[in-house]
Amino acid sequence: MPTPATDSPTRVRRIYDGHAGLYAPSVVTEAAALLDTYLAIAEQHGLDREAADGEGWLALAAAEAVSRKYRRPKTERTSVELNKLSTALSNALTTEGLEVVPTPVRMGVGVAPVPGGPTWGMAGGLAVALYSDSGWELMLNATRTTSHSIHAPVTEAGAAEVAQLVHGVLVGATRDPFRRGR
């Protein structure tokens, strides 16, 4: 049996890969930094890293604590903020070489499928939505769909990370949250 990786970013990524949502690189980095802080405190209390987190509870706590920050805003966003972020997302998707298309998803930005990439039945690609009381949400570009959270900062820089994740799903390089048996 191979020895599992012990660096914090790899441990956090492994936890996030087991969840249905998508996690931006900055969120992984932030959670890994929190895990390193937890482990440093454990060492100050006389525990080595293996003893402190042999079962993975500290890694899980760090991953969950950070991802929760991006599920809901502290205060609801205004329509001006939503429009600014939607424009930033559209621009970031275009910068990624993706085609922005109409979508029936309320408050969504549609993204056309890419040649050779995965398809989802009759859905015309993917859509990303952002609401006044939520973080980024990924869904199929269809009238009826399920959504998966994209844990990323709700900022212009976060929009760029969301665009990179969507691009990865569309070309098959990022785990597809809509596939069974992910």
N, C-alpha and C. Protein backbone atom coordinates (compact mmCIF):
# COMPACT_ATOMS: atom_id res chain seq x y z
N MET A 1 0.84 -1.17 0.00
CA MET A 1 0.00 0.00 0.00
C MET A 1 0.89 1.24 0.00
N PRO A 2 0.65 2.20 -0.94
CA PRO A 2 1.48 3.39 -0.97
C PRO A 2 1.23 4.27 0.25
N THR A 3 2.25 4.99 0.62
CA THR A 3 2.13 5.90 1.75
C THR A 3 1.32 7.11 1.32
N PRO A 4 0.27 7.48 2.09
CA PRO A 4 -0.52 8.63 1.68
C PRO A 4 0.29 9.92 1.80
N ALA A 5 -0.02 10.86 0.94
CA ALA A 5 0.66 12.16 0.99
C ALA A 5 0.31 12.86 2.29
N THR A 6 1.27 13.54 2.86
CA THR A 6 1.03 14.18 4.15
C THR A 6 1.06 15.70 4.06
N ASP A 7 1.35 16.27 2.89
CA ASP A 7 1.35 17.73 2.83
C ASP A 7 -0.09 18.23 2.91
N SER A 8 -0.27 19.36 3.54
CA SER A 8 -1.61 19.87 3.83
C SER A 8 -2.46 20.13 2.58
N PRO A 9 -1.94 20.76 1.53
CA PRO A 9 -2.80 20.95 0.35
C PRO A 9 -3.31 19.63 -0.24
N THR A 10 -2.48 18.61 -0.27
CA THR A 10 -2.91 17.32 -0.81
C THR A 10 -3.99 16.70 0.07
N ARG A 11 -3.82 16.81 1.37
CA ARG A 11 -4.81 16.25 2.30
C ARG A 11 -6.15 16.97 2.17
N VAL A 12 -6.12 18.30 2.06
CA VAL A 12 -7.35 19.06 1.91
C VAL A 12 -8.00 18.75 0.57
N ARG A 13 -7.21 18.69 -0.51
CA ARG A 13 -7.75 18.37 -1.83
C ARG A 13 -8.43 17.00 -1.81
N ARG A 14 -7.84 16.03 -1.12
CA ARG A 14 -8.43 14.69 -1.03
C ARG A 14 -9.80 14.75 -0.36
N ILE A 15 -9.94 15.56 0.67
CA ILE A 15 -11.23 15.72 1.34
C ILE A 15 -12.24 16.35 0.39
N TYR A 16 -11.84 17.44 -0.25
CA TYR A 16 -12.75 18.13 -1.16
C TYR A 16 -13.14 17.25 -2.35
N ASP A 17 -12.23 16.43 -2.82
CA ASP A 17 -12.54 15.55 -3.95
C ASP A 17 -13.63 14.54 -3.61
N GLY A 18 -13.83 14.28 -2.32
CA GLY A 18 -14.89 13.36 -1.91
C GLY A 18 -16.26 14.02 -1.82
N HIS A 19 -16.32 15.34 -2.01
CA HIS A 19 -17.58 16.07 -1.94
C HIS A 19 -18.10 16.37 -3.34
N ALA A 20 -19.38 16.65 -3.45
CA ALA A 20 -19.99 16.89 -4.76
C ALA A 20 -19.67 18.26 -5.33
N GLY A 21 -19.35 19.22 -4.50
CA GLY A 21 -19.07 20.57 -4.99
C GLY A 21 -17.70 20.68 -5.62
N LEU A 22 -17.40 21.87 -6.10
CA LEU A 22 -16.09 22.17 -6.65
C LEU A 22 -15.41 23.20 -5.75
N TYR A 23 -14.11 23.13 -5.66
CA TYR A 23 -13.36 23.96 -4.73
C TYR A 23 -12.24 24.68 -5.47
N ALA A 24 -12.26 26.01 -5.39
CA ALA A 24 -11.26 26.82 -6.07
C ALA A 24 -9.89 26.61 -5.43
N PRO A 25 -8.83 26.76 -6.21
CA PRO A 25 -7.48 26.62 -5.65
C PRO A 25 -7.22 27.52 -4.44
N SER A 26 -7.76 28.73 -4.45
CA SER A 26 -7.53 29.61 -3.30
C SER A 26 -8.18 29.07 -2.04
N VAL A 27 -9.28 28.36 -2.17
CA VAL A 27 -9.95 27.76 -1.01
C VAL A 27 -9.11 26.60 -0.48
N VAL A 28 -8.57 25.80 -1.38
CA VAL A 28 -7.68 24.70 -0.95
C VAL A 28 -6.47 25.28 -0.22
N THR A 29 -5.88 26.32 -0.77
CA THR A 29 -4.71 26.94 -0.14
C THR A 29 -5.06 27.49 1.24
N GLU A 30 -6.20 28.13 1.35
CA GLU A 30 -6.64 28.69 2.63
C GLU A 30 -6.88 27.59 3.66
N ALA A 31 -7.53 26.51 3.26
CA ALA A 31 -7.80 25.40 4.18
C ALA A 31 -6.49 24.71 4.58
N ALA A 32 -5.56 24.59 3.64
CA ALA A 32 -4.26 23.97 3.97
C ALA A 32 -3.51 24.83 4.97
N ALA A 33 -3.59 26.14 4.84
CA ALA A 33 -2.93 27.03 5.80
C ALA A 33 -3.55 26.88 7.18
N LEU A 34 -4.87 26.75 7.23
CA LEU A 34 -5.54 26.54 8.52
C LEU A 34 -5.13 25.20 9.12
N LEU A 35 -5.06 24.16 8.30
CA LEU A 35 -4.60 22.86 8.79
C LEU A 35 -3.18 22.96 9.35
N ASP A 36 -2.30 23.65 8.64
CA ASP A 36 -0.93 23.82 9.14
C ASP A 36 -0.93 24.54 10.49
N THR A 37 -1.81 25.50 10.66
CA THR A 37 -1.93 26.21 11.94
C THR A 37 -2.41 25.25 13.03
N TYR A 38 -3.43 24.46 12.72
CA TYR A 38 -3.91 23.46 13.69
C TYR A 38 -2.77 22.52 14.11
N LEU A 39 -2.01 22.05 13.13
CA LEU A 39 -0.93 21.11 13.41
C LEU A 39 0.19 21.76 14.21
N ALA A 40 0.48 23.02 13.93
CA ALA A 40 1.51 23.74 14.70
C ALA A 40 1.07 23.89 16.16
N ILE A 41 -0.20 24.17 16.37
CA ILE A 41 -0.71 24.27 17.75
C ILE A 41 -0.63 22.91 18.44
N ALA A 42 -0.95 21.86 17.72
CA ALA A 42 -0.85 20.51 18.31
C ALA A 42 0.60 20.22 18.71
N GLU A 43 1.56 20.61 17.87
CA GLU A 43 2.97 20.40 18.20
C GLU A 43 3.37 21.21 19.44
N GLN A 44 2.81 22.39 19.61
CA GLN A 44 3.07 23.19 20.81
C GLN A 44 2.56 22.50 22.06
N HIS A 45 1.61 21.60 21.89
CA HIS A 45 1.06 20.84 23.00
C HIS A 45 1.69 19.45 23.12
N GLY A 46 2.81 19.27 22.44
CA GLY A 46 3.57 18.04 22.59
C GLY A 46 3.13 16.88 21.72
N LEU A 47 2.29 17.14 20.71
CA LEU A 47 1.84 16.07 19.81
C LEU A 47 2.57 16.19 18.48
N ASP A 48 3.04 15.07 17.96
CA ASP A 48 3.59 15.15 16.60
C ASP A 48 2.41 15.14 15.62
N ARG A 49 2.70 15.45 14.37
CA ARG A 49 1.63 15.59 13.38
C ARG A 49 0.80 14.30 13.23
N GLU A 50 1.44 13.17 13.24
CA GLU A 50 0.71 11.91 13.08
C GLU A 50 -0.23 11.68 14.27
N ALA A 51 0.26 11.94 15.47
CA ALA A 51 -0.59 11.75 16.65
C ALA A 51 -1.72 12.78 16.67
N ALA A 52 -1.44 13.98 16.22
CA ALA A 52 -2.45 15.04 16.26
C ALA A 52 -3.56 14.82 15.24
N ASP A 53 -3.22 14.24 14.10
CA ASP A 53 -4.23 14.12 13.05
C ASP A 53 -4.16 12.80 12.31
N GLY A 54 -3.83 11.75 13.01
CA GLY A 54 -3.75 10.43 12.38
C GLY A 54 -5.06 9.98 11.78
N GLU A 55 -6.17 10.41 12.35
CA GLU A 55 -7.50 10.03 11.84
C GLU A 55 -8.04 11.03 10.82
N GLY A 56 -7.37 12.15 10.67
CA GLY A 56 -7.80 13.13 9.68
C GLY A 56 -8.83 14.14 10.15
N TRP A 57 -9.10 14.19 11.44
CA TRP A 57 -10.14 15.09 11.93
C TRP A 57 -9.74 16.56 11.79
N LEU A 58 -8.47 16.87 12.03
CA LEU A 58 -8.03 18.26 11.89
C LEU A 58 -8.09 18.70 10.43
N ALA A 59 -7.70 17.83 9.53
CA ALA A 59 -7.78 18.15 8.11
C ALA A 59 -9.24 18.38 7.70
N LEU A 60 -10.12 17.54 8.17
CA LEU A 60 -11.54 17.69 7.86
C LEU A 60 -12.08 18.99 8.45
N ALA A 61 -11.70 19.29 9.69
CA ALA A 61 -12.17 20.53 10.34
C ALA A 61 -11.70 21.75 9.55
N ALA A 62 -10.46 21.77 9.12
CA ALA A 62 -9.94 22.89 8.35
C ALA A 62 -10.67 23.02 7.02
N ALA A 63 -10.85 21.90 6.33
CA ALA A 63 -11.53 21.92 5.03
C ALA A 63 -12.97 22.42 5.18
N GLU A 64 -13.68 21.93 6.16
CA GLU A 64 -15.07 22.33 6.35
C GLU A 64 -15.19 23.78 6.79
N ALA A 65 -14.33 24.21 7.71
CA ALA A 65 -14.40 25.58 8.21
C ALA A 65 -14.20 26.58 7.08
N VAL A 66 -13.24 26.34 6.23
CA VAL A 66 -12.97 27.29 5.16
C VAL A 66 -14.07 27.23 4.10
N SER A 67 -14.51 26.06 3.71
CA SER A 67 -15.52 25.98 2.65
C SER A 67 -16.84 26.62 3.09
N ARG A 68 -17.15 26.59 4.36
CA ARG A 68 -18.39 27.22 4.86
C ARG A 68 -18.42 28.72 4.61
N LYS A 69 -17.24 29.33 4.59
CA LYS A 69 -17.17 30.78 4.36
C LYS A 69 -17.79 31.16 3.02
N TYR A 70 -17.79 30.23 2.08
CA TYR A 70 -18.19 30.56 0.72
C TYR A 70 -19.58 30.04 0.36
N ARG A 71 -20.31 29.50 1.32
CA ARG A 71 -21.65 28.99 1.03
C ARG A 71 -22.71 30.08 1.01
N ARG A 72 -22.62 30.98 1.98
CA ARG A 72 -23.62 32.05 2.10
C ARG A 72 -22.91 33.34 2.50
N PRO A 73 -23.36 34.47 1.96
CA PRO A 73 -22.75 35.74 2.37
C PRO A 73 -23.28 36.15 3.75
N LYS A 74 -22.53 37.01 4.41
CA LYS A 74 -22.97 37.51 5.72
C LYS A 74 -24.19 38.40 5.57
N THR A 75 -24.23 39.16 4.49
CA THR A 75 -25.40 39.99 4.18
C THR A 75 -25.76 39.73 2.72
N GLU A 76 -27.03 39.91 2.40
CA GLU A 76 -27.46 39.67 1.02
C GLU A 76 -26.82 40.68 0.07
N ARG A 77 -26.50 40.20 -1.12
CA ARG A 77 -25.91 41.06 -2.14
C ARG A 77 -26.99 41.90 -2.80
N THR A 78 -26.59 43.06 -3.25
CA THR A 78 -27.51 43.92 -3.98
C THR A 78 -27.51 43.53 -5.46
N SER A 79 -28.49 44.04 -6.19
CA SER A 79 -28.54 43.76 -7.62
C SER A 79 -27.33 44.36 -8.34
N VAL A 80 -26.84 45.48 -7.86
CA VAL A 80 -25.64 46.08 -8.45
C VAL A 80 -24.44 45.15 -8.27
N GLU A 81 -24.28 44.60 -7.06
CA GLU A 81 -23.18 43.66 -6.81
C GLU A 81 -23.32 42.42 -7.67
N LEU A 82 -24.54 41.89 -7.77
CA LEU A 82 -24.76 40.69 -8.57
C LEU A 82 -24.45 40.94 -10.04
N ASN A 83 -24.87 42.08 -10.56
CA ASN A 83 -24.59 42.40 -11.97
C ASN A 83 -23.09 42.53 -12.20
N LYS A 84 -22.38 43.18 -11.28
CA LYS A 84 -20.93 43.34 -11.42
C LYS A 84 -20.23 41.98 -11.42
N LEU A 85 -20.65 41.09 -10.53
CA LEU A 85 -20.04 39.76 -10.44
C LEU A 85 -20.41 38.89 -11.64
N SER A 86 -21.63 39.03 -12.13
CA SER A 86 -22.06 38.29 -13.32
C SER A 86 -21.25 38.72 -14.54
N THR A 87 -21.02 40.02 -14.65
CA THR A 87 -20.18 40.54 -15.75
C THR A 87 -18.75 40.03 -15.61
N ALA A 88 -18.22 40.03 -14.39
CA ALA A 88 -16.86 39.52 -14.16
C ALA A 88 -16.79 38.04 -14.54
N LEU A 89 -17.81 37.27 -14.20
CA LEU A 89 -17.84 35.85 -14.56
C LEU A 89 -17.89 35.68 -16.07
N SER A 90 -18.76 36.41 -16.73
CA SER A 90 -18.86 36.32 -18.21
C SER A 90 -17.52 36.64 -18.86
N ASN A 91 -16.88 37.69 -18.38
CA ASN A 91 -15.57 38.07 -18.92
C ASN A 91 -14.52 36.99 -18.66
N ALA A 92 -14.54 36.41 -17.47
CA ALA A 92 -13.58 35.36 -17.12
C ALA A 92 -13.81 34.11 -17.96
N LEU A 93 -15.06 33.75 -18.19
CA LEU A 93 -15.37 32.59 -19.03
C LEU A 93 -14.87 32.82 -20.45
N THR A 94 -15.07 34.02 -20.97
CA THR A 94 -14.59 34.36 -22.31
C THR A 94 -13.07 34.31 -22.35
N THR A 95 -12.42 34.81 -21.31
CA THR A 95 -10.96 34.76 -21.23
C THR A 95 -10.47 33.32 -21.24
N GLU A 96 -11.25 32.41 -20.67
CA GLU A 96 -10.91 30.98 -20.67
C GLU A 96 -11.14 30.34 -22.04
N GLY A 97 -11.66 31.10 -22.98
CA GLY A 97 -11.92 30.56 -24.33
C GLY A 97 -13.26 29.88 -24.44
N LEU A 98 -14.15 30.14 -23.52
CA LEU A 98 -15.47 29.51 -23.53
C LEU A 98 -16.50 30.46 -24.12
N GLU A 99 -17.56 29.88 -24.66
CA GLU A 99 -18.63 30.67 -25.27
C GLU A 99 -19.76 30.85 -24.25
N VAL A 100 -20.07 32.10 -23.95
CA VAL A 100 -21.19 32.42 -23.07
C VAL A 100 -22.46 32.40 -23.91
N VAL A 101 -23.48 31.67 -23.43
CA VAL A 101 -24.73 31.50 -24.17
C VAL A 101 -25.92 31.81 -23.26
N PRO A 102 -27.09 32.02 -23.85
CA PRO A 102 -28.29 32.23 -23.03
C PRO A 102 -28.59 31.01 -22.16
N THR A 103 -29.28 31.26 -21.07
CA THR A 103 -29.63 30.16 -20.17
C THR A 103 -31.00 30.41 -19.55
N PRO A 104 -31.76 29.34 -19.31
CA PRO A 104 -33.02 29.50 -18.59
C PRO A 104 -32.81 29.60 -17.07
N VAL A 105 -31.59 29.43 -16.61
CA VAL A 105 -31.28 29.47 -15.19
C VAL A 105 -31.36 30.92 -14.70
N ARG A 106 -32.22 31.14 -13.74
CA ARG A 106 -32.39 32.48 -13.17
C ARG A 106 -31.07 32.96 -12.60
N MET A 107 -30.68 34.16 -12.93
CA MET A 107 -29.43 34.79 -12.46
C MET A 107 -28.20 34.00 -12.90
N GLY A 108 -28.33 33.25 -13.98
CA GLY A 108 -27.24 32.41 -14.44
C GLY A 108 -26.52 32.94 -15.66
N VAL A 109 -25.34 32.42 -15.85
CA VAL A 109 -24.55 32.67 -17.04
C VAL A 109 -24.35 31.30 -17.70
N GLY A 110 -24.86 31.15 -18.92
CA GLY A 110 -24.74 29.88 -19.62
C GLY A 110 -23.39 29.75 -20.31
N VAL A 111 -22.92 28.52 -20.41
CA VAL A 111 -21.64 28.23 -21.07
C VAL A 111 -21.86 27.06 -22.02
N ALA A 112 -21.53 27.28 -23.29
CA ALA A 112 -21.72 26.24 -24.30
C ALA A 112 -20.78 25.05 -24.04
N PRO A 113 -21.22 23.85 -24.43
CA PRO A 113 -20.32 22.70 -24.35
C PRO A 113 -19.14 22.92 -25.30
N VAL A 114 -18.06 22.20 -25.06
CA VAL A 114 -16.89 22.32 -25.94
C VAL A 114 -16.77 21.04 -26.76
N PRO A 115 -16.26 21.16 -27.98
CA PRO A 115 -16.09 19.97 -28.81
C PRO A 115 -15.21 18.94 -28.10
N GLY A 116 -15.67 17.71 -28.10
CA GLY A 116 -14.91 16.62 -27.50
C GLY A 116 -15.06 16.51 -25.99
N GLY A 117 -15.75 17.46 -25.38
CA GLY A 117 -15.95 17.42 -23.93
C GLY A 117 -17.16 16.59 -23.56
N PRO A 118 -17.41 16.40 -22.27
CA PRO A 118 -18.57 15.62 -21.84
C PRO A 118 -19.87 16.33 -22.22
N THR A 119 -20.93 15.55 -22.32
CA THR A 119 -22.26 16.10 -22.56
C THR A 119 -23.19 15.60 -21.47
N TRP A 120 -24.32 16.26 -21.35
CA TRP A 120 -25.28 15.93 -20.30
C TRP A 120 -26.66 15.85 -20.91
N GLY A 121 -26.89 14.85 -21.73
CA GLY A 121 -28.20 14.66 -22.34
C GLY A 121 -28.58 15.84 -23.21
N MET A 122 -29.75 16.39 -22.94
CA MET A 122 -30.27 17.50 -23.74
C MET A 122 -29.77 18.86 -23.24
N ALA A 123 -29.05 18.87 -22.13
CA ALA A 123 -28.57 20.15 -21.59
C ALA A 123 -27.59 20.79 -22.56
N GLY A 124 -27.70 22.07 -22.71
CA GLY A 124 -26.81 22.82 -23.60
C GLY A 124 -25.59 23.35 -22.87
N GLY A 125 -24.83 22.48 -22.28
CA GLY A 125 -23.64 22.90 -21.55
C GLY A 125 -23.93 23.10 -20.08
N LEU A 126 -23.26 24.07 -19.49
CA LEU A 126 -23.38 24.33 -18.06
C LEU A 126 -23.84 25.77 -17.83
N ALA A 127 -24.26 26.04 -16.62
CA ALA A 127 -24.60 27.41 -16.22
C ALA A 127 -24.06 27.62 -14.82
N VAL A 128 -23.66 28.84 -14.55
CA VAL A 128 -23.21 29.24 -13.21
C VAL A 128 -24.13 30.35 -12.76
N ALA A 129 -24.65 30.22 -11.56
CA ALA A 129 -25.53 31.25 -11.01
C ALA A 129 -24.97 31.76 -9.70
N LEU A 130 -25.34 32.98 -9.40
CA LEU A 130 -24.99 33.60 -8.13
C LEU A 130 -26.22 34.38 -7.70
N TYR A 131 -26.67 34.11 -6.49
CA TYR A 131 -27.86 34.76 -5.97
C TYR A 131 -27.50 35.69 -4.81
N SER A 132 -28.45 36.48 -4.40
CA SER A 132 -28.19 37.44 -3.33
C SER A 132 -27.81 36.76 -2.02
N ASP A 133 -28.27 35.52 -1.84
CA ASP A 133 -28.06 34.83 -0.56
C ASP A 133 -27.27 33.53 -0.67
N SER A 134 -26.48 33.39 -1.74
CA SER A 134 -25.71 32.15 -1.90
C SER A 134 -24.33 32.45 -2.47
N GLY A 135 -23.52 31.40 -2.52
CA GLY A 135 -22.26 31.47 -3.24
C GLY A 135 -22.50 31.06 -4.68
N TRP A 136 -21.42 30.78 -5.39
CA TRP A 136 -21.51 30.34 -6.78
C TRP A 136 -22.17 28.97 -6.84
N GLU A 137 -23.01 28.74 -7.84
CA GLU A 137 -23.69 27.46 -8.04
C GLU A 137 -23.50 27.00 -9.48
N LEU A 138 -23.10 25.75 -9.66
CA LEU A 138 -22.93 25.16 -10.99
C LEU A 138 -24.11 24.26 -11.27
N MET A 139 -24.66 24.38 -12.46
CA MET A 139 -25.77 23.52 -12.85
C MET A 139 -25.73 23.27 -14.34
N LEU A 140 -26.52 22.32 -14.77
CA LEU A 140 -26.64 22.09 -16.21
C LEU A 140 -27.41 23.25 -16.80
N ASN A 141 -27.12 23.60 -18.04
CA ASN A 141 -27.83 24.68 -18.70
C ASN A 141 -29.15 24.13 -19.22
N ALA A 142 -30.08 23.99 -18.30
CA ALA A 142 -31.38 23.39 -18.60
C ALA A 142 -32.42 23.98 -17.65
N THR A 143 -33.69 23.81 -18.02
CA THR A 143 -34.77 24.35 -17.20
C THR A 143 -34.81 23.69 -15.83
N ARG A 144 -34.74 22.39 -15.80
CA ARG A 144 -34.76 21.65 -14.52
C ARG A 144 -33.39 21.01 -14.32
N THR A 145 -32.79 21.32 -13.22
CA THR A 145 -31.44 20.83 -12.98
C THR A 145 -31.14 20.84 -11.49
N THR A 146 -30.15 20.08 -11.13
CA THR A 146 -29.63 20.16 -9.77
C THR A 146 -28.43 21.11 -9.79
N SER A 147 -28.09 21.60 -8.62
CA SER A 147 -26.94 22.49 -8.57
C SER A 147 -25.91 21.95 -7.60
N HIS A 148 -24.68 22.33 -7.85
CA HIS A 148 -23.56 21.97 -6.98
C HIS A 148 -22.83 23.26 -6.64
N SER A 149 -22.49 23.40 -5.38
CA SER A 149 -21.78 24.60 -4.94
C SER A 149 -20.37 24.63 -5.51
N ILE A 150 -19.97 25.83 -5.90
CA ILE A 150 -18.58 26.09 -6.25
C ILE A 150 -18.04 26.95 -5.12
N HIS A 151 -17.17 26.39 -4.33
CA HIS A 151 -16.61 27.11 -3.20
C HIS A 151 -15.45 27.95 -3.70
N ALA A 152 -15.73 29.24 -3.82
CA ALA A 152 -14.74 30.20 -4.32
C ALA A 152 -15.12 31.56 -3.77
N PRO A 153 -14.15 32.43 -3.63
CA PRO A 153 -14.49 33.79 -3.19
C PRO A 153 -15.48 34.42 -4.16
N VAL A 154 -16.44 35.15 -3.63
CA VAL A 154 -17.41 35.84 -4.47
C VAL A 154 -16.87 37.25 -4.71
N THR A 155 -15.86 37.26 -5.57
CA THR A 155 -15.15 38.47 -5.96
C THR A 155 -14.82 38.33 -7.44
N GLU A 156 -14.25 39.37 -8.02
CA GLU A 156 -13.83 39.26 -9.41
C GLU A 156 -12.73 38.22 -9.57
N ALA A 157 -11.81 38.15 -8.61
CA ALA A 157 -10.76 37.12 -8.66
C ALA A 157 -11.39 35.73 -8.50
N GLY A 158 -12.39 35.63 -7.65
CA GLY A 158 -13.10 34.36 -7.49
C GLY A 158 -13.83 33.96 -8.76
N ALA A 159 -14.37 34.95 -9.48
CA ALA A 159 -15.04 34.65 -10.75
C ALA A 159 -14.07 34.02 -11.74
N ALA A 160 -12.82 34.48 -11.72
CA ALA A 160 -11.80 33.89 -12.60
C ALA A 160 -11.52 32.44 -12.21
N GLU A 161 -11.49 32.15 -10.91
CA GLU A 161 -11.28 30.77 -10.47
C GLU A 161 -12.48 29.89 -10.84
N VAL A 162 -13.69 30.45 -10.73
CA VAL A 162 -14.90 29.72 -11.12
C VAL A 162 -14.82 29.39 -12.61
N ALA A 163 -14.43 30.35 -13.42
CA ALA A 163 -14.31 30.13 -14.87
C ALA A 163 -13.31 29.01 -15.17
N GLN A 164 -12.21 28.98 -14.44
CA GLN A 164 -11.22 27.92 -14.65
C GLN A 164 -11.80 26.55 -14.28
N LEU A 165 -12.55 26.50 -13.18
CA LEU A 165 -13.17 25.22 -12.79
C LEU A 165 -14.20 24.77 -13.82
N VAL A 166 -15.03 25.69 -14.30
CA VAL A 166 -16.03 25.36 -15.31
C VAL A 166 -15.34 24.87 -16.58
N HIS A 167 -14.29 25.55 -16.98
CA HIS A 167 -13.54 25.12 -18.16
C HIS A 167 -13.04 23.69 -17.95
N GLY A 168 -12.50 23.41 -16.77
CA GLY A 168 -12.01 22.06 -16.47
C GLY A 168 -13.09 21.00 -16.57
N VAL A 169 -14.30 21.31 -16.09
CA VAL A 169 -15.41 20.35 -16.19
C VAL A 169 -15.79 20.16 -17.65
N LEU A 170 -15.85 21.25 -18.40
CA LEU A 170 -16.27 21.17 -19.81
C LEU A 170 -15.29 20.39 -20.68
N VAL A 171 -14.02 20.39 -20.35
CA VAL A 171 -13.05 19.63 -21.16
C VAL A 171 -12.72 18.28 -20.54
N GLY A 172 -13.30 17.99 -19.39
CA GLY A 172 -13.08 16.69 -18.75
C GLY A 172 -11.83 16.63 -17.89
N ALA A 173 -11.20 17.77 -17.62
CA ALA A 173 -9.98 17.78 -16.80
C ALA A 173 -10.28 17.89 -15.31
N THR A 174 -11.46 18.37 -14.97
CA THR A 174 -11.89 18.51 -13.58
C THR A 174 -13.04 17.54 -13.35
N ARG A 175 -13.05 16.92 -12.21
CA ARG A 175 -14.09 15.96 -11.85
C ARG A 175 -15.48 16.56 -12.08
N ASP A 176 -16.32 15.85 -12.77
CA ASP A 176 -17.66 16.30 -13.13
C ASP A 176 -18.62 15.98 -12.00
N PRO A 177 -19.14 16.99 -11.30
CA PRO A 177 -20.02 16.71 -10.17
C PRO A 177 -21.38 16.11 -10.57
N PHE A 178 -21.72 16.14 -11.84
CA PHE A 178 -23.00 15.61 -12.29
C PHE A 178 -22.95 14.12 -12.64
N ARG A 179 -21.77 13.55 -12.69
CA ARG A 179 -21.63 12.14 -13.03
C ARG A 179 -21.81 11.26 -11.80
N ARG A 180 -22.57 10.22 -11.97
CA ARG A 180 -22.75 9.25 -10.88
C ARG A 180 -21.43 8.52 -10.68
N GLY A 181 -21.18 8.12 -9.44
CA GLY A 181 -19.97 7.38 -9.15
C GLY A 181 -18.72 8.21 -9.33
N ARG A 182 -18.85 9.52 -9.08
CA ARG A 182 -17.73 10.42 -9.25
C ARG A 182 -16.54 9.83 -8.62
